[in-house]
N, C-alpha and C. Protein backbone atom coordinates (compact mmCIF):
# COMPACT_ATOMS: atom_id res chain seq x y z
N UNK A 1 -20.79 -2.45 -17.94
CA UNK A 1 -20.59 -1.05 -17.66
C UNK A 1 -20.08 -0.83 -16.24
N UNK A 2 -20.57 -1.61 -15.28
CA UNK A 2 -20.12 -1.45 -13.90
C UNK A 2 -18.66 -1.83 -13.73
N UNK A 3 -18.20 -2.80 -14.49
CA UNK A 3 -16.81 -3.23 -14.37
C UNK A 3 -15.88 -2.10 -14.80
N UNK A 4 -16.21 -1.42 -15.85
CA UNK A 4 -15.38 -0.30 -16.32
C UNK A 4 -15.41 0.83 -15.30
N UNK A 5 -16.56 1.14 -14.75
CA UNK A 5 -16.66 2.20 -13.76
C UNK A 5 -15.89 1.83 -12.49
N UNK A 6 -15.97 0.58 -12.09
CA UNK A 6 -15.22 0.13 -10.90
C UNK A 6 -13.72 0.30 -11.11
N UNK A 7 -13.24 -0.05 -12.27
CA UNK A 7 -11.82 0.10 -12.57
C UNK A 7 -11.42 1.57 -12.55
N UNK A 8 -12.29 2.41 -13.09
CA UNK A 8 -12.01 3.84 -13.10
C UNK A 8 -11.98 4.38 -11.67
N UNK A 9 -12.89 3.93 -10.83
CA UNK A 9 -12.92 4.34 -9.43
C UNK A 9 -11.68 3.84 -8.69
N UNK A 10 -11.24 2.65 -9.01
CA UNK A 10 -10.04 2.09 -8.39
C UNK A 10 -8.82 2.93 -8.73
N UNK A 11 -8.70 3.37 -9.97
CA UNK A 11 -7.59 4.23 -10.37
C UNK A 11 -7.67 5.59 -9.69
N UNK A 12 -8.87 6.15 -9.58
CA UNK A 12 -9.03 7.43 -8.89
C UNK A 12 -8.63 7.31 -7.42
N UNK A 13 -9.05 6.22 -6.80
CA UNK A 13 -8.71 6.01 -5.40
C UNK A 13 -7.21 5.86 -5.21
N UNK A 14 -6.57 5.13 -6.10
CA UNK A 14 -5.11 4.98 -6.00
C UNK A 14 -4.42 6.34 -6.15
N UNK A 15 -4.91 7.18 -7.05
CA UNK A 15 -4.32 8.51 -7.21
C UNK A 15 -4.51 9.36 -5.96
N UNK A 16 -5.69 9.26 -5.33
CA UNK A 16 -5.93 10.01 -4.09
C UNK A 16 -5.03 9.53 -2.96
N UNK A 17 -4.86 8.23 -2.85
CA UNK A 17 -3.98 7.69 -1.81
C UNK A 17 -2.54 8.12 -2.06
N UNK A 18 -2.12 8.12 -3.32
CA UNK A 18 -0.76 8.56 -3.66
C UNK A 18 -0.56 10.03 -3.30
N UNK A 19 -1.54 10.86 -3.59
CA UNK A 19 -1.44 12.28 -3.23
C UNK A 19 -1.38 12.45 -1.71
N UNK A 20 -2.17 11.65 -0.99
CA UNK A 20 -2.17 11.74 0.47
C UNK A 20 -0.82 11.35 1.06
N UNK A 21 -0.25 10.24 0.57
CA UNK A 21 1.04 9.81 1.11
C UNK A 21 2.15 10.80 0.76
N UNK A 22 2.04 11.46 -0.38
CA UNK A 22 3.01 12.49 -0.72
C UNK A 22 2.83 13.71 0.18
N UNK A 23 1.58 14.05 0.49
CA UNK A 23 1.28 15.21 1.31
C UNK A 23 1.81 15.05 2.74
N UNK A 24 1.65 13.86 3.31
CA UNK A 24 2.09 13.67 4.69
C UNK A 24 3.57 13.31 4.78
N UNK A 25 4.21 13.07 3.66
CA UNK A 25 5.63 12.75 3.66
C UNK A 25 5.91 11.37 4.23
N UNK A 26 5.28 10.37 3.65
CA UNK A 26 5.40 9.01 4.16
C UNK A 26 6.82 8.48 4.10
N UNK A 27 7.59 8.89 3.12
CA UNK A 27 8.97 8.41 3.04
C UNK A 27 9.80 8.92 4.22
N UNK A 28 9.54 10.13 4.68
CA UNK A 28 10.24 10.64 5.86
C UNK A 28 9.77 9.93 7.13
N UNK A 29 8.47 9.63 7.17
CA UNK A 29 7.95 8.90 8.32
C UNK A 29 8.50 7.48 8.38
N UNK A 30 8.79 6.90 7.24
CA UNK A 30 9.35 5.54 7.21
C UNK A 30 10.71 5.51 7.89
N UNK A 31 11.47 6.55 7.74
CA UNK A 31 12.77 6.61 8.42
C UNK A 31 12.59 6.76 9.92
N UNK A 32 11.55 7.49 10.34
CA UNK A 32 11.32 7.70 11.76
C UNK A 32 10.86 6.43 12.48
N UNK A 33 10.19 5.53 11.77
CA UNK A 33 9.72 4.29 12.40
C UNK A 33 10.73 3.17 12.25
N UNK A 34 11.93 3.51 11.83
CA UNK A 34 13.04 2.57 11.73
C UNK A 34 12.83 1.52 10.63
N UNK A 35 12.24 1.93 9.51
CA UNK A 35 12.05 1.00 8.39
C UNK A 35 13.34 0.92 7.60
N UNK A 36 13.81 -0.28 7.39
CA UNK A 36 14.96 -0.53 6.54
C UNK A 36 14.50 -1.46 5.43
N UNK A 37 14.79 -1.08 4.23
CA UNK A 37 14.34 -1.87 3.08
C UNK A 37 15.15 -3.15 2.97
N UNK A 38 14.44 -4.27 3.00
CA UNK A 38 15.08 -5.57 2.84
C UNK A 38 14.79 -6.17 1.48
N UNK A 39 13.98 -5.48 0.70
CA UNK A 39 13.67 -5.92 -0.66
C UNK A 39 13.65 -4.69 -1.56
N UNK A 40 13.35 -4.89 -2.80
CA UNK A 40 13.34 -3.76 -3.74
C UNK A 40 12.04 -2.97 -3.70
N UNK A 41 11.08 -3.39 -2.89
CA UNK A 41 9.80 -2.72 -2.77
C UNK A 41 9.88 -1.68 -1.65
N UNK A 42 9.46 -0.46 -1.96
CA UNK A 42 9.51 0.59 -0.95
C UNK A 42 8.29 0.52 -0.04
N UNK A 43 8.42 1.06 1.15
CA UNK A 43 7.33 1.05 2.11
C UNK A 43 6.16 1.90 1.61
N UNK A 44 6.45 2.97 0.89
CA UNK A 44 5.37 3.81 0.38
C UNK A 44 4.48 3.04 -0.60
N UNK A 45 5.06 2.24 -1.45
CA UNK A 45 4.27 1.43 -2.39
C UNK A 45 3.41 0.43 -1.64
N UNK A 46 3.97 -0.18 -0.60
CA UNK A 46 3.21 -1.16 0.17
C UNK A 46 2.06 -0.49 0.90
N UNK A 47 2.31 0.65 1.54
CA UNK A 47 1.26 1.35 2.29
C UNK A 47 0.19 1.88 1.34
N UNK A 48 0.60 2.41 0.17
CA UNK A 48 -0.39 2.88 -0.80
C UNK A 48 -1.28 1.74 -1.27
N UNK A 49 -0.70 0.59 -1.55
CA UNK A 49 -1.47 -0.56 -1.99
C UNK A 49 -2.41 -1.02 -0.88
N UNK A 50 -1.91 -1.03 0.36
CA UNK A 50 -2.72 -1.47 1.49
C UNK A 50 -3.90 -0.53 1.73
N UNK A 51 -3.66 0.77 1.69
CA UNK A 51 -4.75 1.73 1.89
C UNK A 51 -5.78 1.64 0.76
N UNK A 52 -5.31 1.52 -0.47
CA UNK A 52 -6.23 1.40 -1.60
C UNK A 52 -7.08 0.14 -1.45
N UNK A 53 -6.48 -0.95 -1.05
CA UNK A 53 -7.20 -2.21 -0.88
C UNK A 53 -8.25 -2.10 0.22
N UNK A 54 -7.87 -1.50 1.34
CA UNK A 54 -8.80 -1.39 2.45
C UNK A 54 -9.95 -0.44 2.13
N UNK A 55 -9.68 0.68 1.43
CA UNK A 55 -10.75 1.61 1.08
C UNK A 55 -11.67 1.05 0.00
N UNK A 56 -11.21 0.07 -0.74
CA UNK A 56 -12.08 -0.63 -1.69
C UNK A 56 -12.95 -1.67 -0.99
N UNK A 57 -12.71 -1.88 0.30
CA UNK A 57 -13.51 -2.81 1.08
C UNK A 57 -13.07 -4.25 0.94
N UNK A 58 -11.82 -4.47 0.63
CA UNK A 58 -11.31 -5.82 0.46
C UNK A 58 -10.33 -6.16 1.57
N UNK A 59 -10.20 -7.44 1.84
CA UNK A 59 -9.21 -7.89 2.80
C UNK A 59 -7.92 -8.20 2.03
N UNK A 60 -6.89 -8.57 2.77
CA UNK A 60 -5.63 -8.92 2.10
C UNK A 60 -5.77 -10.17 1.25
N UNK A 61 -6.71 -11.03 1.61
CA UNK A 61 -6.91 -12.26 0.86
C UNK A 61 -7.70 -12.02 -0.43
N UNK A 62 -8.53 -10.97 -0.44
CA UNK A 62 -9.32 -10.64 -1.62
C UNK A 62 -8.69 -9.53 -2.45
N UNK A 63 -7.53 -9.10 -2.06
CA UNK A 63 -6.88 -7.96 -2.69
C UNK A 63 -6.49 -8.28 -4.13
N UNK A 64 -6.49 -7.27 -4.98
CA UNK A 64 -6.06 -7.49 -6.35
C UNK A 64 -4.56 -7.77 -6.40
N UNK A 65 -4.18 -8.62 -7.29
CA UNK A 65 -2.76 -8.98 -7.42
C UNK A 65 -1.98 -7.83 -8.05
N UNK A 66 -0.77 -7.70 -7.62
CA UNK A 66 0.13 -6.70 -8.20
C UNK A 66 1.32 -7.44 -8.80
N UNK A 67 1.90 -6.90 -9.85
CA UNK A 67 3.07 -7.58 -10.43
C UNK A 67 4.33 -7.43 -9.59
N UNK A 68 4.36 -6.45 -8.68
CA UNK A 68 5.58 -6.17 -7.92
C UNK A 68 5.73 -7.00 -6.65
N UNK A 69 4.61 -7.28 -5.97
CA UNK A 69 4.69 -8.00 -4.70
C UNK A 69 3.36 -8.69 -4.44
N UNK A 70 3.34 -9.54 -3.41
CA UNK A 70 2.14 -10.26 -3.04
C UNK A 70 1.62 -9.76 -1.70
N UNK A 71 0.46 -10.26 -1.31
CA UNK A 71 -0.08 -9.86 -0.01
C UNK A 71 0.78 -10.42 1.12
N UNK A 72 1.51 -11.48 0.86
CA UNK A 72 2.44 -12.02 1.87
C UNK A 72 3.56 -11.02 2.17
N UNK A 73 4.02 -10.30 1.17
CA UNK A 73 5.03 -9.27 1.37
C UNK A 73 4.51 -8.19 2.30
N UNK A 74 3.25 -7.81 2.12
CA UNK A 74 2.64 -6.80 2.97
C UNK A 74 2.54 -7.30 4.41
N UNK A 75 2.08 -8.53 4.58
CA UNK A 75 1.98 -9.10 5.93
C UNK A 75 3.34 -9.20 6.59
N UNK A 76 4.36 -9.57 5.84
CA UNK A 76 5.71 -9.67 6.41
C UNK A 76 6.22 -8.31 6.87
N UNK A 77 5.93 -7.26 6.11
CA UNK A 77 6.35 -5.91 6.51
C UNK A 77 5.57 -5.42 7.72
N UNK A 78 4.28 -5.73 7.78
CA UNK A 78 3.49 -5.30 8.92
C UNK A 78 3.88 -6.04 10.20
N UNK A 79 4.33 -7.28 10.07
CA UNK A 79 4.72 -8.08 11.23
C UNK A 79 6.20 -7.97 11.59
N UNK A 80 6.93 -7.15 10.89
CA UNK A 80 8.36 -7.00 11.16
C UNK A 80 8.56 -6.34 12.52
N UNK A 81 9.25 -7.05 13.40
CA UNK A 81 9.47 -6.55 14.76
C UNK A 81 10.45 -5.40 14.84
N UNK A 82 11.21 -5.16 13.80
CA UNK A 82 12.19 -4.07 13.81
C UNK A 82 11.56 -2.72 13.51
N UNK A 83 10.33 -2.71 13.00
CA UNK A 83 9.64 -1.46 12.68
C UNK A 83 8.85 -1.02 13.89
N UNK A 84 9.02 0.22 14.28
CA UNK A 84 8.33 0.78 15.46
C UNK A 84 7.00 1.38 15.03
N UNK A 85 6.01 0.53 14.78
CA UNK A 85 4.71 1.01 14.37
C UNK A 85 4.07 1.76 15.52
């Protein structure tokens, strides 16, 4: 029963993070920090996944796998020197 509830909570959290990133206009902020897409994954998807993972209390190494990208993709984007974080 806890596994089902945890999954439900994870989906709720992802929806809240998605609403938050839409509210603050993360795609517009990505242009302001000089983000240029070098892959088919958008910065909003990466940031949403990262926030969801951190609010679930997991590290990048314990993060749930996604079919679109890996935690290495997230680390590469965070360490990109061309982005003005």
